[in-house]
Amino acid sequence: MDIEFAMQVVDKNNKDIGTAGKIFMDTWTGKPRKYLVTRNIPHAPDEIFMVPPEQVGEVAAGKVKLNVTVEELGEPST
């Protein structure tokens, strides 16, 4: 199963990170290079994480589970 827009994204401990947004494709190979994951925070700017395909653990039933924790993703962009 492929990652699709608006899929729920969780870390390896099932902690909710956000939703999948834009998928950046490699124009040469046609494979994904990075995924943009957005975390909506009420009354604050959204946090944006760039996730490379190597950090995707599994994709099933409309949910993406990463093989890293949210802390290991690094600082989000705002």
Protein backbone atom coordinates (compact mmCIF):
# COMPACT_ATOMS: atom_id res chain seq x y z
CA MET A 1 0.00 0.00 0.00
CA ASP A 2 1.26 3.48 -0.86
CA ILE A 3 1.17 6.56 1.34
CA GLU A 4 -1.66 8.87 0.31
CA PHE A 5 -2.60 12.45 1.10
CA ALA A 6 -4.27 12.95 4.54
CA MET A 7 -3.28 9.56 5.98
CA GLN A 8 -2.72 9.51 9.73
CA VAL A 9 0.98 9.31 10.70
CA VAL A 10 2.17 7.82 14.01
CA ASP A 11 5.63 7.15 15.43
CA LYS A 12 6.98 3.72 16.34
CA ASN A 13 5.30 3.99 19.77
CA ASN A 14 1.90 4.75 18.14
CA LYS A 15 2.09 8.39 19.25
CA ASP A 16 0.11 10.57 16.84
CA ILE A 17 2.32 12.87 14.76
CA GLY A 18 -0.13 14.30 12.24
CA THR A 19 -1.28 13.76 8.67
CA ALA A 20 0.56 13.10 5.45
CA GLY A 21 0.61 16.06 3.11
CA LYS A 22 2.63 16.62 -0.01
CA ILE A 23 4.65 13.74 -1.39
CA PHE A 24 7.90 14.82 -3.05
CA MET A 25 8.69 12.50 -5.95
CA ASP A 26 12.04 11.88 -7.61
CA THR A 27 11.48 12.91 -11.22
CA TRP A 28 14.12 10.50 -12.46
CA THR A 29 12.98 7.30 -10.72
CA GLY A 30 9.35 8.18 -10.01
CA LYS A 31 9.76 7.05 -6.39
CA PRO A 32 9.01 9.18 -3.30
CA ARG A 33 11.96 11.17 -1.92
CA LYS A 34 10.27 12.79 1.10
CA TYR A 35 6.88 13.08 2.74
CA LEU A 36 5.57 16.26 4.31
CA VAL A 37 3.77 15.52 7.60
CA THR A 38 1.71 18.27 9.22
CA ARG A 39 0.78 18.40 12.90
CA ASN A 40 -2.16 20.72 13.56
CA ILE A 41 -1.86 22.47 16.92
CA PRO A 42 -4.87 24.47 18.13
CA HIS A 43 -4.15 28.20 18.57
CA ALA A 44 -0.57 27.83 17.27
CA PRO A 45 1.21 27.50 13.94
CA ASP A 46 1.22 24.04 12.39
CA GLU A 47 4.39 21.96 12.76
CA ILE A 48 5.80 20.44 9.59
CA PHE A 49 8.11 17.43 9.47
CA MET A 50 9.96 16.17 6.40
CA VAL A 51 10.10 12.38 6.53
CA PRO A 52 12.36 10.36 4.19
CA PRO A 53 11.14 6.96 2.95
CA GLU A 54 13.76 5.19 5.12
CA GLN A 55 11.85 6.29 8.25
CA VAL A 56 8.56 4.72 7.11
CA GLY A 57 8.02 1.43 8.90
CA GLU A 58 4.67 0.23 7.60
CA VAL A 59 1.61 1.47 5.77
CA ALA A 60 -1.71 -0.25 6.46
CA ALA A 61 -5.40 0.54 6.82
CA GLY A 62 -5.09 4.27 6.17
CA LYS A 63 -2.29 4.73 8.71
CA VAL A 64 1.44 5.29 8.34
CA LYS A 65 3.68 4.00 11.13
CA LEU A 66 7.23 5.33 11.22
CA ASN A 67 10.20 3.35 12.52
CA VAL A 68 11.40 6.33 14.61
CA THR A 69 9.96 8.32 17.51
CA VAL A 70 8.64 11.85 17.11
CA GLU A 71 11.66 13.09 19.08
CA GLU A 72 14.02 11.44 16.59
CA LEU A 73 12.43 13.37 13.69
CA GLY A 74 14.22 16.51 14.78
CA GLU A 75 12.98 20.07 14.97
CA PRO A 76 9.77 20.74 13.05
CA SER A 77 9.44 23.63 10.62
CA THR A 78 6.71 26.14 11.31
